[in-house]
Amino acid sequence: MTPASFHPAAGQELLDAVGYYEARAPGLGLAFLDEAERTVGLIRRFPRIGPAIEADFRRLAFGRFPFSIIYRLPADTVRILAVMHHRQRPGYWQERR
């Protein structure tokens, strides 16, 4: 399995989304976190699973929530750059490495 690391801003986006969903309904934040972990697990097992969206960036959408993981593959690792809501400003994460 390919190792993965989160950009600090992506990690914060994940925590913010978990908090948002948990505030809306108890247990929904944990469901979001489970979906995020499932999506990251797929990426770690199959790094090229997400379609290329720009240069060396890839995206894989969650199944249940309107979010995607934006990542790149430097060397033999997965670098998660954003946990992006589908209604966010496109490309806001492009300066992250």
PDB file of N, CA and C in Angstrom:
ATOM      1  N   MET A   1       0.847  -1.171   0.000  1.00  0.00           N
ATOM      2  CA  MET A   1       0.000   0.000   0.000  1.00  0.00           C
ATOM      3  C   MET A   1       0.896   1.238   0.000  1.00  0.00           C
ATOM      4  N   THR A   2       0.547   2.201  -0.807  1.00  0.00           N
ATOM      5  CA  THR A   2       1.325   3.427  -0.929  1.00  0.00           C
ATOM      6  C   THR A   2       1.115   4.320   0.295  1.00  0.00           C
ATOM      7  N   PRO A   3       2.188   4.825   0.886  1.00  0.00           N
ATOM      8  CA  PRO A   3       2.018   5.733   2.030  1.00  0.00           C
ATOM      9  C   PRO A   3       1.383   7.047   1.584  1.00  0.00           C
ATOM     10  N   ALA A   4       0.680   7.690   2.507  1.00  0.00           N
ATOM     11  CA  ALA A   4       0.012   8.955   2.207  1.00  0.00           C
ATOM     12  C   ALA A   4       0.321   9.972   3.288  1.00  0.00           C
ATOM     13  N   SER A   5       0.342  11.233   2.885  1.00  0.00           N
ATOM     14  CA  SER A   5       0.488  12.322   3.848  1.00  0.00           C
ATOM     15  C   SER A   5      -0.473  13.439   3.456  1.00  0.00           C
ATOM     16  N   PHE A   6      -0.947  14.155   4.469  1.00  0.00           N
ATOM     17  CA  PHE A   6      -1.872  15.262   4.259  1.00  0.00           C
ATOM     18  C   PHE A   6      -1.121  16.587   4.321  1.00  0.00           C
ATOM     19  N   HIS A   7      -1.404  17.459   3.391  1.00  0.00           N
ATOM     20  CA  HIS A   7      -0.979  18.845   3.516  1.00  0.00           C
ATOM     21  C   HIS A   7      -1.693  19.384   4.754  1.00  0.00           C
ATOM     22  N   PRO A   8      -1.051  20.221   5.582  1.00  0.00           N
ATOM     23  CA  PRO A   8      -1.712  20.718   6.795  1.00  0.00           C
ATOM     24  C   PRO A   8      -3.081  21.353   6.534  1.00  0.00           C
ATOM     25  N   ALA A   9      -3.214  22.088   5.444  1.00  0.00           N
ATOM     26  CA  ALA A   9      -4.507  22.714   5.135  1.00  0.00           C
ATOM     27  C   ALA A   9      -5.559  21.669   4.794  1.00  0.00           C
ATOM     28  N   ALA A  10      -5.171  20.588   4.138  1.00  0.00           N
ATOM     29  CA  ALA A  10      -6.112  19.510   3.819  1.00  0.00           C
ATOM     30  C   ALA A  10      -6.567  18.809   5.097  1.00  0.00           C
ATOM     31  N   GLY A  11      -5.633  18.609   6.017  1.00  0.00           N
ATOM     32  CA  GLY A  11      -6.001  18.017   7.301  1.00  0.00           C
ATOM     33  C   GLY A  11      -7.001  18.882   8.046  1.00  0.00           C
ATOM     34  N   GLN A  12      -6.823  20.198   7.982  1.00  0.00           N
ATOM     35  CA  GLN A  12      -7.757  21.114   8.631  1.00  0.00           C
ATOM     36  C   GLN A  12      -9.114  21.092   7.937  1.00  0.00           C
ATOM     37  N   GLU A  13      -9.109  21.002   6.611  1.00  0.00           N
ATOM     38  CA  GLU A  13     -10.378  20.913   5.880  1.00  0.00           C
ATOM     39  C   GLU A  13     -11.154  19.662   6.290  1.00  0.00           C
ATOM     40  N   LEU A  14     -10.445  18.562   6.478  1.00  0.00           N
ATOM     41  CA  LEU A  14     -11.087  17.326   6.922  1.00  0.00           C
ATOM     42  C   LEU A  14     -11.718  17.519   8.300  1.00  0.00           C
ATOM     43  N   LEU A  15     -10.954  18.071   9.231  1.00  0.00           N
ATOM     44  CA  LEU A  15     -11.482  18.292  10.586  1.00  0.00           C
ATOM     45  C   LEU A  15     -12.664  19.260  10.585  1.00  0.00           C
ATOM     46  N   ASP A  16     -12.583  20.309   9.783  1.00  0.00           N
ATOM     47  CA  ASP A  16     -13.679  21.276   9.701  1.00  0.00           C
ATOM     48  C   ASP A  16     -14.954  20.621   9.173  1.00  0.00           C
ATOM     49  N   ALA A  17     -14.815  19.787   8.162  1.00  0.00           N
ATOM     50  CA  ALA A  17     -15.988  19.117   7.585  1.00  0.00           C
ATOM     51  C   ALA A  17     -16.591  18.130   8.580  1.00  0.00           C
ATOM     52  N   VAL A  18     -15.743  17.393   9.296  1.00  0.00           N
ATOM     53  CA  VAL A  18     -16.240  16.465  10.314  1.00  0.00           C
ATOM     54  C   VAL A  18     -17.034  17.251  11.358  1.00  0.00           C
ATOM     55  N   GLY A  19     -16.491  18.362  11.827  1.00  0.00           N
ATOM     56  CA  GLY A  19     -17.180  19.189  12.810  1.00  0.00           C
ATOM     57  C   GLY A  19     -18.491  19.744  12.286  1.00  0.00           C
ATOM     58  N   TYR A  20     -18.505  20.177  11.051  1.00  0.00           N
ATOM     59  CA  TYR A  20     -19.717  20.712  10.443  1.00  0.00           C
ATOM     60  C   TYR A  20     -20.821  19.653  10.407  1.00  0.00           C
ATOM     61  N   TYR A  21     -20.488  18.481   9.902  1.00  0.00           N
ATOM     62  CA  TYR A  21     -21.503  17.426   9.792  1.00  0.00           C
ATOM     63  C   TYR A  21     -21.945  16.915  11.158  1.00  0.00           C
ATOM     64  N   GLU A  22     -21.026  16.839  12.092  1.00  0.00           N
ATOM     65  CA  GLU A  22     -21.392  16.374  13.438  1.00  0.00           C
ATOM     66  C   GLU A  22     -22.337  17.370  14.117  1.00  0.00           C
ATOM     67  N   ALA A  23     -22.152  18.661  13.854  1.00  0.00           N
ATOM     68  CA  ALA A  23     -23.034  19.672  14.422  1.00  0.00           C
ATOM     69  C   ALA A  23     -24.436  19.608  13.810  1.00  0.00           C
ATOM     70  N   ARG A  24     -24.511  19.145  12.588  1.00  0.00           N
ATOM     71  CA  ARG A  24     -25.811  19.031  11.918  1.00  0.00           C
ATOM     72  C   ARG A  24     -26.619  17.856  12.437  1.00  0.00           C
ATOM     73  N   ALA A  25     -25.933  16.733  12.706  1.00  0.00           N
ATOM     74  CA  ALA A  25     -26.623  15.543  13.214  1.00  0.00           C
ATOM     75  C   ALA A  25     -25.595  14.648  13.892  1.00  0.00           C
ATOM     76  N   PRO A  26     -25.844  14.258  15.142  1.00  0.00           N
ATOM     77  CA  PRO A  26     -24.902  13.377  15.838  1.00  0.00           C
ATOM     78  C   PRO A  26     -24.651  12.100  15.027  1.00  0.00           C
ATOM     79  N   GLY A  27     -23.384  11.791  14.862  1.00  0.00           N
ATOM     80  CA  GLY A  27     -22.985  10.604  14.107  1.00  0.00           C
ATOM     81  C   GLY A  27     -22.688  10.880  12.645  1.00  0.00           C
ATOM     82  N   LEU A  28     -23.188  11.995  12.110  1.00  0.00           N
ATOM     83  CA  LEU A  28     -22.950  12.298  10.708  1.00  0.00           C
ATOM     84  C   LEU A  28     -21.487  12.669  10.458  1.00  0.00           C
ATOM     85  N   GLY A  29     -20.859  13.321  11.426  1.00  0.00           N
ATOM     86  CA  GLY A  29     -19.436  13.640  11.298  1.00  0.00           C
ATOM     87  C   GLY A  29     -18.584  12.388  11.228  1.00  0.00           C
ATOM     88  N   LEU A  30     -18.925  11.392  12.043  1.00  0.00           N
ATOM     89  CA  LEU A  30     -18.193  10.126  11.994  1.00  0.00           C
ATOM     90  C   LEU A  30     -18.430   9.404  10.679  1.00  0.00           C
ATOM     91  N   ALA A  31     -19.650   9.497  10.146  1.00  0.00           N
ATOM     92  CA  ALA A  31     -19.935   8.896   8.838  1.00  0.00           C
ATOM     93  C   ALA A  31     -19.089   9.567   7.755  1.00  0.00           C
ATOM     94  N   PHE A  32     -18.949  10.902   7.855  1.00  0.00           N
ATOM     95  CA  PHE A  32     -18.104  11.629   6.912  1.00  0.00           C
ATOM     96  C   PHE A  32     -16.651  11.160   7.025  1.00  0.00           C
ATOM     97  N   LEU A  33     -16.174  11.041   8.255  1.00  0.00           N
ATOM     98  CA  LEU A  33     -14.799  10.595   8.474  1.00  0.00           C
ATOM     99  C   LEU A  33     -14.585   9.188   7.928  1.00  0.00           C
ATOM    100  N   ASP A  34     -15.539   8.303   8.140  1.00  0.00           N
ATOM    101  CA  ASP A  34     -15.449   6.940   7.580  1.00  0.00           C
ATOM    102  C   ASP A  34     -15.348   6.980   6.060  1.00  0.00           C
ATOM    103  N   GLU A  35     -16.155   7.844   5.436  1.00  0.00           N
ATOM    104  CA  GLU A  35     -16.128   7.963   3.976  1.00  0.00           C
ATOM    105  C   GLU A  35     -14.791   8.525   3.505  1.00  0.00           C
ATOM    106  N   ALA A  36     -14.250   9.493   4.242  1.00  0.00           N
ATOM    107  CA  ALA A  36     -12.936  10.050   3.901  1.00  0.00           C
ATOM    108  C   ALA A  36     -11.859   8.974   4.013  1.00  0.00           C
ATOM    109  N   GLU A  37     -11.888   8.191   5.088  1.00  0.00           N
ATOM    110  CA  GLU A  37     -10.898   7.126   5.266  1.00  0.00           C
ATOM    111  C   GLU A  37     -11.032   6.065   4.182  1.00  0.00           C
ATOM    112  N   ARG A  38     -12.255   5.732   3.785  1.00  0.00           N
ATOM    113  CA  ARG A  38     -12.465   4.752   2.713  1.00  0.00           C
ATOM    114  C   ARG A  38     -11.878   5.275   1.404  1.00  0.00           C
ATOM    115  N   THR A  39     -12.116   6.559   1.117  1.00  0.00           N
ATOM    116  CA  THR A  39     -11.625   7.154  -0.124  1.00  0.00           C
ATOM    117  C   THR A  39     -10.097   7.211  -0.133  1.00  0.00           C
ATOM    118  N   VAL A  40      -9.492   7.627   0.968  1.00  0.00           N
ATOM    119  CA  VAL A  40      -8.031   7.657   1.061  1.00  0.00           C
ATOM    120  C   VAL A  40      -7.471   6.237   0.950  1.00  0.00           C
ATOM    121  N   GLY A  41      -8.138   5.269   1.544  1.00  0.00           N
ATOM    122  CA  GLY A  41      -7.698   3.871   1.424  1.00  0.00           C
ATOM    123  C   GLY A  41      -7.685   3.397  -0.018  1.00  0.00           C
ATOM    124  N   LEU A  42      -8.709   3.752  -0.773  1.00  0.00           N
ATOM    125  CA  LEU A  42      -8.735   3.390  -2.201  1.00  0.00           C
ATOM    126  C   LEU A  42      -7.565   4.020  -2.937  1.00  0.00           C
ATOM    127  N   ILE A  43      -7.313   5.290  -2.641  1.00  0.00           N
ATOM    128  CA  ILE A  43      -6.198   5.987  -3.292  1.00  0.00           C
ATOM    129  C   ILE A  43      -4.875   5.336  -2.924  1.00  0.00           C
ATOM    130  N   ARG A  44      -4.719   4.959  -1.674  1.00  0.00           N
ATOM    131  CA  ARG A  44      -3.462   4.325  -1.249  1.00  0.00           C
ATOM    132  C   ARG A  44      -3.272   2.970  -1.927  1.00  0.00           C
ATOM    133  N   ARG A  45      -4.354   2.221  -2.113  1.00  0.00           N
ATOM    134  CA  ARG A  45      -4.248   0.908  -2.766  1.00  0.00           C
ATOM    135  C   ARG A  45      -4.062   1.029  -4.271  1.00  0.00           C
ATOM    136  N   PHE A  46      -4.752   2.000  -4.860  1.00  0.00           N
ATOM    137  CA  PHE A  46      -4.729   2.183  -6.314  1.00  0.00           C
ATOM    138  C   PHE A  46      -4.449   3.655  -6.620  1.00  0.00           C
ATOM    139  N   PRO A  47      -3.202   4.097  -6.504  1.00  0.00           N
ATOM    140  CA  PRO A  47      -2.873   5.524  -6.589  1.00  0.00           C
ATOM    141  C   PRO A  47      -3.358   6.237  -7.854  1.00  0.00           C
ATOM    142  N   ARG A  48      -3.512   5.531  -8.929  1.00  0.00           N
ATOM    143  CA  ARG A  48      -3.939   6.179 -10.177  1.00  0.00           C
ATOM    144  C   ARG A  48      -5.446   6.037 -10.421  1.00  0.00           C
ATOM    145  N   ILE A  49      -6.198   5.705  -9.366  1.00  0.00           N
ATOM    146  CA  ILE A  49      -7.637   5.499  -9.498  1.00  0.00           C
ATOM    147  C   ILE A  49      -8.381   6.773  -9.872  1.00  0.00           C
ATOM    148  N   GLY A  50      -7.946   7.901  -9.360  1.00  0.00           N
ATOM    149  CA  GLY A  50      -8.635   9.168  -9.640  1.00  0.00           C
ATOM    150  C   GLY A  50      -8.222   9.722 -10.988  1.00  0.00           C
ATOM    151  N   PRO A  51      -9.168  10.329 -11.692  1.00  0.00           N
ATOM    152  CA  PRO A  51      -8.811  10.922 -12.988  1.00  0.00           C
ATOM    153  C   PRO A  51      -7.864  12.101 -12.812  1.00  0.00           C
ATOM    154  N   ALA A  52      -6.955  12.249 -13.752  1.00  0.00           N
ATOM    155  CA  ALA A  52      -6.054  13.399 -13.746  1.00  0.00           C
ATOM    156  C   ALA A  52      -6.889  14.644 -14.041  1.00  0.00           C
ATOM    157  N   ILE A  53      -6.676  15.694 -13.263  1.00  0.00           N
ATOM    158  CA  ILE A  53      -7.450  16.914 -13.477  1.00  0.00           C
ATOM    159  C   ILE A  53      -6.587  18.062 -13.971  1.00  0.00           C
ATOM    160  N   GLU A  54      -5.294  17.966 -13.753  1.00  0.00           N
ATOM    161  CA  GLU A  54      -4.390  19.021 -14.174  1.00  0.00           C
ATOM    162  C   GLU A  54      -2.972  18.578 -13.864  1.00  0.00           C
ATOM    163  N   ALA A  55      -2.102  18.681 -14.825  1.00  0.00           N
ATOM    164  CA  ALA A  55      -0.697  18.282 -14.640  1.00  0.00           C
ATOM    165  C   ALA A  55      -0.611  16.970 -13.875  1.00  0.00           C
ATOM    166  N   ASP A  56      -0.062  16.984 -12.671  1.00  0.00           N
ATOM    167  CA  ASP A  56       0.076  15.742 -11.900  1.00  0.00           C
ATOM    168  C   ASP A  56      -0.928  15.658 -10.754  1.00  0.00           C
ATOM    169  N   PHE A  57      -2.017  16.401 -10.845  1.00  0.00           N
ATOM    170  CA  PHE A  57      -3.064  16.367  -9.824  1.00  0.00           C
ATOM    171  C   PHE A  57      -4.156  15.382 -10.213  1.00  0.00           C
ATOM    172  N   ARG A  58      -4.699  14.712  -9.205  1.00  0.00           N
ATOM    173  CA  ARG A  58      -5.802  13.768  -9.419  1.00  0.00           C
ATOM    174  C   ARG A  58      -6.899  14.055  -8.416  1.00  0.00           C
ATOM    175  N   ARG A  59      -8.092  13.545  -8.706  1.00  0.00           N
ATOM    176  CA  ARG A  59      -9.240  13.765  -7.829  1.00  0.00           C
ATOM    177  C   ARG A  59     -10.044  12.476  -7.717  1.00  0.00           C
ATOM    178  N   LEU A  60     -10.495  12.184  -6.489  1.00  0.00           N
ATOM    179  CA  LEU A  60     -11.399  11.057  -6.293  1.00  0.00           C
ATOM    180  C   LEU A  60     -12.541  11.530  -5.404  1.00  0.00           C
ATOM    181  N   ALA A  61     -13.757  11.391  -5.913  1.00  0.00           N
ATOM    182  CA  ALA A  61     -14.947  11.853  -5.205  1.00  0.00           C
ATOM    183  C   ALA A  61     -15.368  10.839  -4.144  1.00  0.00           C
ATOM    184  N   PHE A  62     -15.930  11.369  -3.067  1.00  0.00           N
ATOM    185  CA  PHE A  62     -16.554  10.535  -2.038  1.00  0.00           C
ATOM    186  C   PHE A  62     -17.815   9.927  -2.647  1.00  0.00           C
ATOM    187  N   GLY A  63     -18.292   8.841  -2.064  1.00  0.00           N
ATOM    188  CA  GLY A  63     -19.521   8.238  -2.540  1.00  0.00           C
ATOM    189  C   GLY A  63     -20.761   8.925  -1.990  1.00  0.00           C
ATOM    190  N   ARG A  64     -20.759   9.274  -0.712  1.00  0.00           N
ATOM    191  CA  ARG A  64     -21.966   9.748  -0.033  1.00  0.00           C
ATOM    192  C   ARG A  64     -22.032  11.270   0.152  1.00  0.00           C
ATOM    193  N   PHE A  65     -20.919  11.931   0.206  1.00  0.00           N
ATOM    194  CA  PHE A  65     -20.868  13.357   0.504  1.00  0.00           C
ATOM    195  C   PHE A  65     -20.338  14.121  -0.709  1.00  0.00           C
ATOM    196  N   PRO A  66     -20.700  15.416  -0.848  1.00  0.00           N
ATOM    197  CA  PRO A  66     -20.255  16.190  -2.013  1.00  0.00           C
ATOM    198  C   PRO A  66     -18.831  16.727  -1.840  1.00  0.00           C
ATOM    199  N   PHE A  67     -17.888  15.822  -1.663  1.00  0.00           N
ATOM    200  CA  PHE A  67     -16.485  16.158  -1.453  1.00  0.00           C
ATOM    201  C   PHE A  67     -15.611  15.282  -2.342  1.00  0.00           C
ATOM    202  N   SER A  68     -14.430  15.771  -2.614  1.00  0.00           N
ATOM    203  CA  SER A  68     -13.405  15.002  -3.315  1.00  0.00           C
ATOM    204  C   SER A  68     -12.079  15.166  -2.597  1.00  0.00           C
ATOM    205  N   ILE A  69     -11.239  14.157  -2.724  1.00  0.00           N
ATOM    206  CA  ILE A  69      -9.847  14.242  -2.290  1.00  0.00           C
ATOM    207  C   ILE A  69      -9.041  14.662  -3.512  1.00  0.00           C
ATOM    208  N   ILE A  70      -8.287  15.737  -3.374  1.00  0.00           N
ATOM    209  CA  ILE A  70      -7.373  16.189  -4.420  1.00  0.00           C
ATOM    210  C   ILE A  70      -5.980  15.742  -3.984  1.00  0.00           C
ATOM    211  N   TYR A  71      -5.264  15.057  -4.880  1.00  0.00           N
ATOM    212  CA  TYR A  71      -3.957  14.529  -4.499  1.00  0.00           C
ATOM    213  C   TYR A  71      -3.009  14.515  -5.682  1.00  0.00           C
ATOM    214  N   ARG A  72      -1.754  14.299  -5.356  1.00  0.00           N
ATOM    215  CA  ARG A  72      -0.729  14.117  -6.379  1.00  0.00           C
ATOM    216  C   ARG A  72       0.174  12.972  -5.963  1.00  0.00           C
ATOM    217  N   LEU A  73       0.979  12.516  -6.889  1.00  0.00           N
ATOM    218  CA  LEU A  73       1.826  11.347  -6.652  1.00  0.00           C
ATOM    219  C   LEU A  73       3.301  11.681  -6.853  1.00  0.00           C
ATOM    220  N   PRO A  74       3.900  12.401  -5.907  1.00  0.00           N
ATOM    221  CA  PRO A  74       5.336  12.620  -6.022  1.00  0.00           C
ATOM    222  C   PRO A  74       6.078  11.363  -5.579  1.00  0.00           C
ATOM    223  N   ALA A  75       6.949  10.860  -6.428  1.00  0.00           N
ATOM    224  CA  ALA A  75       7.731   9.649  -6.119  1.00  0.00           C
ATOM    225  C   ALA A  75       6.813   8.487  -5.757  1.00  0.00           C
ATOM    226  N   ASP A  76       7.059   7.821  -4.643  1.00  0.00           N
ATOM    227  CA  ASP A  76       6.283   6.638  -4.248  1.00  0.00           C
ATOM    228  C   ASP A  76       5.383   6.926  -3.065  1.00  0.00           C
ATOM    229  N   THR A  77       4.693   8.057  -3.120  1.00  0.00           N
ATOM    230  CA  THR A  77       3.816   8.445  -2.029  1.00  0.00           C
ATOM    231  C   THR A  77       2.583   9.148  -2.595  1.00  0.00           C
ATOM    232  N   VAL A  78       1.566   9.265  -1.777  1.00  0.00           N
ATOM    233  CA  VAL A  78       0.366  10.026  -2.127  1.00  0.00           C
ATOM    234  C   VAL A  78       0.378  11.277  -1.256  1.00  0.00           C
ATOM    235  N   ARG A  79       0.299  12.432  -1.865  1.00  0.00           N
ATOM    236  CA  ARG A  79       0.246  13.698  -1.119  1.00  0.00           C
ATOM    237  C   ARG A  79      -1.164  14.255  -1.272  1.00  0.00           C
ATOM    238  N   ILE A  80      -1.922  14.269  -0.184  1.00  0.00           N
ATOM    239  CA  ILE A  80      -3.291  14.771  -0.200  1.00  0.00           C
ATOM    240  C   ILE A  80      -3.242  16.275   0.005  1.00  0.00           C
ATOM    241  N   LEU A  81      -3.705  17.000  -1.015  1.00  0.00           N
ATOM    242  CA  LEU A  81      -3.597  18.451  -1.017  1.00  0.00           C
ATOM    243  C   LEU A  81      -4.866  19.148  -0.564  1.00  0.00           C
ATOM    244  N   ALA A  82      -6.016  18.502  -0.730  1.00  0.00           N
ATOM    245  CA  ALA A  82      -7.276  19.153  -0.355  1.00  0.00           C
ATOM    246  C   ALA A  82      -8.364  18.119  -0.111  1.00  0.00           C
ATOM    247  N   VAL A  83      -9.238  18.459   0.816  1.00  0.00           N
ATOM    248  CA  VAL A  83     -10.497  17.754   1.017  1.00  0.00           C
ATOM    249  C   VAL A  83     -11.530  18.791   0.599  1.00  0.00           C
ATOM    250  N   MET A  84     -11.914  18.744  -0.663  1.00  0.00           N
ATOM    251  CA  MET A  84     -12.631  19.835  -1.311  1.00  0.00           C
ATOM    252  C   MET A  84     -14.124  19.572  -1.444  1.00  0.00           C
ATOM    253  N   HIS A  85     -14.909  20.517  -0.962  1.00  0.00           N
ATOM    254  CA  HIS A  85     -16.356  20.474  -1.202  1.00  0.00           C
ATOM    255  C   HIS A  85     -16.581  20.817  -2.666  1.00  0.00           C
ATOM    256  N   HIS A  86     -17.534  20.169  -3.296  1.00  0.00           N
ATOM    257  CA  HIS A  86     -17.751  20.357  -4.729  1.00  0.00           C
ATOM    258  C   HIS A  86     -18.226  21.753  -5.100  1.00  0.00           C
ATOM    259  N   ARG A  87     -18.676  22.534  -4.130  1.00  0.00           N
ATOM    260  CA  ARG A  87     -19.116  23.901  -4.429  1.00  0.00           C
ATOM    261  C   ARG A  87     -18.070  24.952  -4.058  1.00  0.00           C
ATOM    262  N   GLN A  88     -16.876  24.531  -3.716  1.00  0.00           N
ATOM    263  CA  GLN A  88     -15.823  25.492  -3.399  1.00  0.00           C
ATOM    264  C   GLN A  88     -15.233  26.055  -4.683  1.00  0.00           C
ATOM    265  N   ARG A  89     -14.530  27.136  -4.520  1.00  0.00           N
ATOM    266  CA  ARG A  89     -13.854  27.780  -5.636  1.00  0.00           C
ATOM    267  C   ARG A  89     -12.888  26.779  -6.280  1.00  0.00           C
ATOM    268  N   PRO A  90     -13.054  26.474  -7.547  1.00  0.00           N
ATOM    269  CA  PRO A  90     -12.170  25.502  -8.200  1.00  0.00           C
ATOM    270  C   PRO A  90     -10.710  25.976  -8.193  1.00  0.00           C
ATOM    271  N   GLY A  91      -9.816  25.058  -7.969  1.00  0.00           N
ATOM    272  CA  GLY A  91      -8.394  25.351  -8.060  1.00  0.00           C
ATOM    273  C   GLY A  91      -7.785  26.100  -6.897  1.00  0.00           C
ATOM    274  N   TYR A  92      -8.541  26.339  -5.828  1.00  0.00           N
ATOM    275  CA  TYR A  92      -8.001  27.099  -4.689  1.00  0.00           C
ATOM    276  C   TYR A  92      -6.782  26.421  -4.066  1.00  0.00           C
ATOM    277  N   TRP A  93      -6.640  25.138  -4.260  1.00  0.00           N
ATOM    278  CA  TRP A  93      -5.605  24.325  -3.624  1.00  0.00           C
ATOM    279  C   TRP A  93      -4.334  24.212  -4.472  1.00  0.00           C
ATOM    280  N   GLN A  94      -4.312  24.777  -5.661  1.00  0.00           N
ATOM    281  CA  GLN A  94      -3.230  24.522  -6.607  1.00  0.00           C
ATOM    282  C   GLN A  94      -1.842  24.972  -6.170  1.00  0.00           C
ATOM    283  N   GLU A  95      -1.752  25.885  -5.233  1.00  0.00           N
ATOM    284  CA  GLU A  95      -0.446  26.331  -4.757  1.00  0.00           C
ATOM    285  C   GLU A  95       0.132  25.390  -3.678  1.00  0.00           C
ATOM    286  N   ARG A  96      -0.655  24.452  -3.232  1.00  0.00           N
ATOM    287  CA  ARG A  96      -0.186  23.518  -2.190  1.00  0.00           C
ATOM    288  C   ARG A  96       0.723  22.460  -2.798  1.00  0.00           C
ATOM    289  N   ARG A  97       1.682  22.035  -2.009  1.00  0.00           N
ATOM    290  CA  ARG A  97       2.599  20.972  -2.445  1.00  0.00           C
ATOM    291  C   ARG A  97       2.716  19.941  -1.401  1.00  0.00           C
TER     292      ARG A  97
END
